[in-house]
C-alpha atoms as a PDB file:
ATOM      1  CA  UNK A   1     206.883   3.928 -16.666  1.00  0.00           C
ATOM      2  CA  UNK A   2     205.077   6.523 -14.582  1.00  0.00           C
ATOM      3  CA  UNK A   3     206.880   5.467 -11.386  1.00  0.00           C
ATOM      4  CA  UNK A   4     210.228   5.434 -13.225  1.00  0.00           C
ATOM      5  CA  UNK A   5     209.601   8.999 -14.384  1.00  0.00           C
ATOM      6  CA  UNK A   6     208.594  10.009 -10.860  1.00  0.00           C
ATOM      7  CA  UNK A   7     211.777   8.473  -9.437  1.00  0.00           C
ATOM      8  CA  UNK A   8     213.879  10.243 -12.069  1.00  0.00           C
ATOM      9  CA  UNK A   9     212.213  13.591 -11.321  1.00  0.00           C
ATOM     10  CA  UNK A  10     212.710  13.086  -7.567  1.00  0.00           C
ATOM     11  CA  UNK A  11     216.423  12.405  -8.086  1.00  0.00           C
ATOM     12  CA  UNK A  12     216.641  15.500 -10.296  1.00  0.00           C
ATOM     13  CA  UNK A  13     215.081  17.484  -7.469  1.00  0.00           C
ATOM     14  CA  UNK A  14     217.659  16.403  -4.886  1.00  0.00           C
ATOM     15  CA  UNK A  15     220.706  16.307  -7.170  1.00  0.00           C
ATOM     16  CA  UNK A  16     223.358  18.826  -6.204  1.00  0.00           C
ATOM     17  CA  UNK A  17     227.074  18.919  -5.561  1.00  0.00           C
ATOM     18  CA  UNK A  18     226.271  19.170  -1.837  1.00  0.00           C
ATOM     19  CA  UNK A  19     224.121  16.006  -1.875  1.00  0.00           C
ATOM     20  CA  UNK A  20     226.818  14.204  -3.877  1.00  0.00           C
ATOM     21  CA  UNK A  21     229.506  15.203  -1.351  1.00  0.00           C
ATOM     22  CA  UNK A  22     227.260  14.111   1.524  1.00  0.00           C
ATOM     23  CA  UNK A  23     226.700  10.732  -0.127  1.00  0.00           C
ATOM     24  CA  UNK A  24     230.426  10.419  -0.771  1.00  0.00           C
ATOM     25  CA  UNK A  25     231.020  10.739   2.978  1.00  0.00           C
ATOM     26  CA  UNK A  26     228.337   8.139   3.663  1.00  0.00           C
ATOM     27  CA  UNK A  27     229.890   5.742   1.131  1.00  0.00           C
ATOM     28  CA  UNK A  28     233.336   6.181   2.703  1.00  0.00           C
ATOM     29  CA  UNK A  29     231.814   5.498   6.120  1.00  0.00           C
ATOM     30  CA  UNK A  30     230.026   2.377   4.930  1.00  0.00           C
ATOM     31  CA  UNK A  31     233.160   1.220   3.114  1.00  0.00           C
ATOM     32  CA  UNK A  32     235.162   1.686   6.284  1.00  0.00           C
ATOM     33  CA  UNK A  33     232.558  -0.251   8.265  1.00  0.00           C
ATOM     34  CA  UNK A  34     232.824  -3.138   5.792  1.00  0.00           C
ATOM     35  CA  UNK A  35     236.614  -3.148   5.423  1.00  0.00           C
ATOM     36  CA  UNK A  36     237.944  -1.958   8.776  1.00  0.00           C
ATOM     37  CA  UNK A  37     239.222  -4.105  11.582  1.00  0.00           C
ATOM     38  CA  UNK A  38     235.767  -3.736  13.132  1.00  0.00           C
ATOM     39  CA  UNK A  39     234.375  -5.669  10.181  1.00  0.00           C
ATOM     40  CA  UNK A  40     234.440  -9.416   9.988  1.00  0.00           C
ATOM     41  CA  UNK A  41     235.243  -9.463   6.242  1.00  0.00           C
ATOM     42  CA  UNK A  42     238.908 -10.380   6.721  1.00  0.00           C
ATOM     43  CA  UNK A  43     238.017 -13.071   9.214  1.00  0.00           C
ATOM     44  CA  UNK A  44     235.431 -14.496   6.821  1.00  0.00           C
ATOM     45  CA  UNK A  45     237.992 -14.460   3.995  1.00  0.00           C
ATOM     46  CA  UNK A  46     240.423 -16.366   6.201  1.00  0.00           C
ATOM     47  CA  UNK A  47     237.754 -18.945   6.970  1.00  0.00           C
ATOM     48  CA  UNK A  48     237.007 -19.345   3.232  1.00  0.00           C
ATOM     49  CA  UNK A  49     240.656 -19.649   2.157  1.00  0.00           C
ATOM     50  CA  UNK A  50     240.845 -16.090   0.801  1.00  0.00           C
ATOM     51  CA  UNK A  51     237.474 -16.126  -0.947  1.00  0.00           C
ATOM     52  CA  UNK A  52     235.611 -12.863  -0.420  1.00  0.00           C
ATOM     53  CA  UNK A  53     232.025 -12.730   0.855  1.00  0.00           C
ATOM     54  CA  UNK A  54     229.356 -14.013  -1.572  1.00  0.00           C
ATOM     55  CA  UNK A  55     228.091 -10.471  -2.304  1.00  0.00           C
ATOM     56  CA  UNK A  56     231.360  -9.637  -4.068  1.00  0.00           C
ATOM     57  CA  UNK A  57     231.492 -12.670  -6.357  1.00  0.00           C
ATOM     58  CA  UNK A  58     230.180 -11.785  -9.827  1.00  0.00           C
ATOM     59  CA  UNK A  59     229.065 -15.300 -10.636  1.00  0.00           C
ATOM     60  CA  UNK A  60     228.999 -18.346  -8.413  1.00  0.00           C
ATOM     61  CA  UNK A  61     227.367 -21.732  -8.596  1.00  0.00           C
ATOM     62  CA  UNK A  62     225.158 -23.125  -5.870  1.00  0.00           C
ATOM     63  CA  UNK A  63     227.868 -25.683  -5.088  1.00  0.00           C
ATOM     64  CA  UNK A  64     230.490 -22.920  -4.770  1.00  0.00           C
ATOM     65  CA  UNK A  65     228.266 -21.002  -2.357  1.00  0.00           C
ATOM     66  CA  UNK A  66     227.616 -24.086  -0.245  1.00  0.00           C
ATOM     67  CA  UNK A  67     231.318 -24.932  -0.246  1.00  0.00           C
ATOM     68  CA  UNK A  68     232.009 -21.446   1.070  1.00  0.00           C
ATOM     69  CA  UNK A  69     229.341 -21.836   3.748  1.00  0.00           C
ATOM     70  CA  UNK A  70     230.929 -25.130   4.794  1.00  0.00           C
ATOM     71  CA  UNK A  71     234.249 -23.290   5.108  1.00  0.00           C
ATOM     72  CA  UNK A  72     232.557 -20.578   7.172  1.00  0.00           C
ATOM     73  CA  UNK A  73     230.975 -23.058   9.509  1.00  0.00           C
ATOM     74  CA  UNK A  74     228.463 -22.003  12.116  1.00  0.00           C
ATOM     75  CA  UNK A  75     230.799 -19.322  13.462  1.00  0.00           C
ATOM     76  CA  UNK A  76     231.386 -17.687  10.056  1.00  0.00           C
ATOM     77  CA  UNK A  77     227.709 -17.754   9.145  1.00  0.00           C
ATOM     78  CA  UNK A  78     226.924 -16.091  12.470  1.00  0.00           C
ATOM     79  CA  UNK A  79     229.571 -13.414  11.739  1.00  0.00           C
ATOM     80  CA  UNK A  80     228.122 -12.779   8.308  1.00  0.00           C
ATOM     81  CA  UNK A  81     224.537 -12.516   9.528  1.00  0.00           C
ATOM     82  CA  UNK A  82     225.303 -10.352  12.551  1.00  0.00           C
ATOM     83  CA  UNK A  83     228.154  -8.111  11.339  1.00  0.00           C
ATOM     84  CA  UNK A  84     228.131  -7.953   7.518  1.00  0.00           C
ATOM     85  CA  UNK A  85     224.402  -8.125   6.792  1.00  0.00           C
ATOM     86  CA  UNK A  86     223.366  -5.221   9.063  1.00  0.00           C
ATOM     87  CA  UNK A  87     225.783  -2.805   7.349  1.00  0.00           C
ATOM     88  CA  UNK A  88     224.675  -4.152   3.973  1.00  0.00           C
ATOM     89  CA  UNK A  89     221.151  -2.904   4.684  1.00  0.00           C
ATOM     90  CA  UNK A  90     222.347   0.662   4.017  1.00  0.00           C
ATOM     91  CA  UNK A  91     224.841   0.147   1.193  1.00  0.00           C
ATOM     92  CA  UNK A  92     222.369  -0.514  -1.681  1.00  0.00           C
ATOM     93  CA  UNK A  93     220.293   2.642  -1.188  1.00  0.00           C
ATOM     94  CA  UNK A  94     223.354   4.795  -0.459  1.00  0.00           C
ATOM     95  CA  UNK A  95     225.115   3.479  -3.547  1.00  0.00           C
ATOM     96  CA  UNK A  96     222.041   3.963  -5.741  1.00  0.00           C
ATOM     97  CA  UNK A  97     221.822   7.608  -4.706  1.00  0.00           C
ATOM     98  CA  UNK A  98     225.611   8.022  -4.874  1.00  0.00           C
ATOM     99  CA  UNK A  99     225.584   6.899  -8.531  1.00  0.00           C
ATOM    100  CA  UNK A 100     222.282   8.431  -9.643  1.00  0.00           C
ATOM    101  CA  UNK A 101     223.137  11.944  -8.509  1.00  0.00           C
ATOM    102  CA  UNK A 102     226.274  12.368 -10.661  1.00  0.00           C
ATOM    103  CA  UNK A 103     224.427  10.787 -13.601  1.00  0.00           C
ATOM    104  CA  UNK A 104     221.738  13.411 -13.090  1.00  0.00           C
ATOM    105  CA  UNK A 105     224.193  16.274 -12.708  1.00  0.00           C
ATOM    106  CA  UNK A 106     226.126  15.515 -15.896  1.00  0.00           C
ATOM    107  CA  UNK A 107     223.048  14.573 -17.917  1.00  0.00           C
ATOM    108  CA  UNK A 108     221.311  17.836 -16.913  1.00  0.00           C
ATOM    109  CA  UNK A 109     224.264  19.679 -18.378  1.00  0.00           C
ATOM    110  CA  UNK A 110     224.656  17.456 -21.440  1.00  0.00           C
ATOM    111  CA  UNK A 111     221.004  17.230 -22.504  1.00  0.00           C
ATOM    112  CA  UNK A 112     217.821  19.291 -22.477  1.00  0.00           C
ATOM    113  CA  UNK A 113     215.913  19.328 -19.198  1.00  0.00           C
ATOM    114  CA  UNK A 114     213.040  17.275 -20.644  1.00  0.00           C
ATOM    115  CA  UNK A 115     215.284  14.760 -22.386  1.00  0.00           C
ATOM    116  CA  UNK A 116     214.381  11.098 -22.064  1.00  0.00           C
ATOM    117  CA  UNK A 117     218.105  10.507 -21.456  1.00  0.00           C
ATOM    118  CA  UNK A 118     217.584  11.792 -17.907  1.00  0.00           C
ATOM    119  CA  UNK A 119     215.563   8.646 -17.146  1.00  0.00           C
ATOM    120  CA  UNK A 120     218.879   6.772 -17.162  1.00  0.00           C
ATOM    121  CA  UNK A 121     219.541   8.234 -13.713  1.00  0.00           C
ATOM    122  CA  UNK A 122     217.341   5.395 -12.433  1.00  0.00           C
ATOM    123  CA  UNK A 123     219.743   2.619 -13.562  1.00  0.00           C
ATOM    124  CA  UNK A 124     221.525   2.584 -10.167  1.00  0.00           C
ATOM    125  CA  UNK A 125     218.221   1.577  -8.601  1.00  0.00           C
ATOM    126  CA  UNK A 126     218.271  -1.636 -10.659  1.00  0.00           C
ATOM    127  CA  UNK A 127     221.582  -2.353  -8.905  1.00  0.00           C
ATOM    128  CA  UNK A 128     219.945  -1.540  -5.575  1.00  0.00           C
ATOM    129  CA  UNK A 129     217.056  -3.946  -6.212  1.00  0.00           C
ATOM    130  CA  UNK A 130     219.482  -6.664  -7.309  1.00  0.00           C
ATOM    131  CA  UNK A 131     221.583  -6.048  -4.199  1.00  0.00           C
ATOM    132  CA  UNK A 132     218.636  -6.241  -1.800  1.00  0.00           C
ATOM    133  CA  UNK A 133     217.348  -9.413  -3.465  1.00  0.00           C
ATOM    134  CA  UNK A 134     220.858 -10.891  -3.344  1.00  0.00           C
ATOM    135  CA  UNK A 135     221.213 -10.010   0.357  1.00  0.00           C
ATOM    136  CA  UNK A 136     217.834 -11.485   1.225  1.00  0.00           C
ATOM    137  CA  UNK A 137     218.495 -14.696  -0.693  1.00  0.00           C
ATOM    138  CA  UNK A 138     221.999 -15.206   0.746  1.00  0.00           C
ATOM    139  CA  UNK A 139     220.729 -14.531   4.284  1.00  0.00           C
ATOM    140  CA  UNK A 140     217.842 -16.983   3.748  1.00  0.00           C
ATOM    141  CA  UNK A 141     220.260 -19.631   2.493  1.00  0.00           C
ATOM    142  CA  UNK A 142     222.468 -19.101   5.539  1.00  0.00           C
ATOM    143  CA  UNK A 143     219.535 -19.240   7.941  1.00  0.00           C
ATOM    144  CA  UNK A 144     218.449 -22.680   6.697  1.00  0.00           C
ATOM    145  CA  UNK A 145     221.992 -24.046   6.249  1.00  0.00           C
ATOM    146  CA  UNK A 146     222.956 -26.946   6.231  1.00  0.00           C
ATOM    147  CA  UNK A 147     219.694 -27.544   4.357  1.00  0.00           C
ATOM    148  CA  UNK A 148     220.152 -26.614   0.713  1.00  0.00           C
ATOM    149  CA  UNK A 149     218.098 -24.247  -1.392  1.00  0.00           C
ATOM    150  CA  UNK A 150     219.942 -24.756  -4.688  1.00  0.00           C
ATOM    151  CA  UNK A 151     217.421 -22.868  -6.827  1.00  0.00           C
ATOM    152  CA  UNK A 152     217.629 -19.840  -4.533  1.00  0.00           C
ATOM    153  CA  UNK A 153     221.428 -20.078  -4.505  1.00  0.00           C
ATOM    154  CA  UNK A 154     221.447 -19.982  -8.304  1.00  0.00           C
ATOM    155  CA  UNK A 155     218.989 -17.099  -8.428  1.00  0.00           C
ATOM    156  CA  UNK A 156     221.061 -15.204  -5.850  1.00  0.00           C
ATOM    157  CA  UNK A 157     224.001 -15.345  -8.282  1.00  0.00           C
ATOM    158  CA  UNK A 158     221.731 -13.793 -10.917  1.00  0.00           C
ATOM    159  CA  UNK A 159     220.839 -10.982  -8.485  1.00  0.00           C
ATOM    160  CA  UNK A 160     224.561 -10.417  -7.871  1.00  0.00           C
ATOM    161  CA  UNK A 161     225.167 -10.209 -11.616  1.00  0.00           C
ATOM    162  CA  UNK A 162     222.326  -7.673 -11.992  1.00  0.00           C
ATOM    163  CA  UNK A 163     223.863  -5.623  -9.182  1.00  0.00           C
ATOM    164  CA  UNK A 164     227.306  -5.588 -10.811  1.00  0.00           C
ATOM    165  CA  UNK A 165     226.070  -4.968 -14.365  1.00  0.00           C
ATOM    166  CA  UNK A 166     223.802  -2.081 -13.324  1.00  0.00           C
ATOM    167  CA  UNK A 167     226.558  -0.599 -11.137  1.00  0.00           C
ATOM    168  CA  UNK A 168     229.142  -0.731 -13.921  1.00  0.00           C
ATOM    169  CA  UNK A 169     226.577   0.619 -16.397  1.00  0.00           C
ATOM    170  CA  UNK A 170     225.949   3.514 -13.986  1.00  0.00           C
ATOM    171  CA  UNK A 171     229.643   4.344 -13.877  1.00  0.00           C
ATOM    172  CA  UNK A 172     229.720   4.152 -17.669  1.00  0.00           C
ATOM    173  CA  UNK A 173     226.760   6.543 -17.834  1.00  0.00           C
ATOM    174  CA  UNK A 174     228.600   9.067 -15.661  1.00  0.00           C
ATOM    175  CA  UNK A 175     231.589   8.925 -18.008  1.00  0.00           C
ATOM    176  CA  UNK A 176     229.394   9.067 -21.140  1.00  0.00           C
ATOM    177  CA  UNK A 177     227.379  11.966 -19.720  1.00  0.00           C
ATOM    178  CA  UNK A 178     230.544  13.852 -18.869  1.00  0.00           C
ATOM    179  CA  UNK A 179     231.870  13.325 -22.416  1.00  0.00           C
ATOM    180  CA  UNK A 180     228.523  14.455 -23.901  1.00  0.00           C
ATOM    181  CA  UNK A 181     228.621  17.545 -21.687  1.00  0.00           C
ATOM    182  CA  UNK A 182     232.181  18.388 -22.800  1.00  0.00           C
ATOM    183  CA  UNK A 183     231.167  17.959 -26.446  1.00  0.00           C
ATOM    184  CA  UNK A 184     228.127  20.187 -25.926  1.00  0.00           C
ATOM    185  CA  UNK A 185     230.300  22.834 -24.264  1.00  0.00           C
ATOM    186  CA  UNK A 186     232.917  22.739 -27.009  1.00  0.00           C
ATOM    187  CA  UNK A 187     230.365  22.996 -29.840  1.00  0.00           C
ATOM    188  CA  UNK A 188     228.477  25.873 -28.204  1.00  0.00           C
ATOM    189  CA  UNK A 189     231.504  28.174 -28.213  1.00  0.00           C
END
């Protein structure tokens, strides 16, 4: 709990409109890197009959992942490991900060400065941890392919689910914090 409080306080210390705008630019840049013609995402989708990369699939079975890897073949796996994975090293931390800062900004306005509600600004870091664990497990699976690591493939789907749930919860917290702030403003007049 002590480290969670320290993380929350650190985020509160760096939270500003300027840092949010800076992170917005970083997120747009990373998004462009993943979705532009320089990215291999479209090529990988073509190899997998329109199926997006494993990181974007909320829930998948081990068999579904291995079917996708078979569709990728050696060439697609190489593309994923050399062009998608390197960019995906930066996305989890950038996204965690990108989501935690607006949570902090609206919660600081909606609640007292010492409110336990401010600890919720750490939820995006659960998504970050899930994302890094997902990335590591998918890369490991690809590195040993065609050998199968079914247990790791199943666990990687759990990490993906944690990433999505914590990310969506973070967006929900921003909305809820904004509503709480508006209510506080309207009742204080």
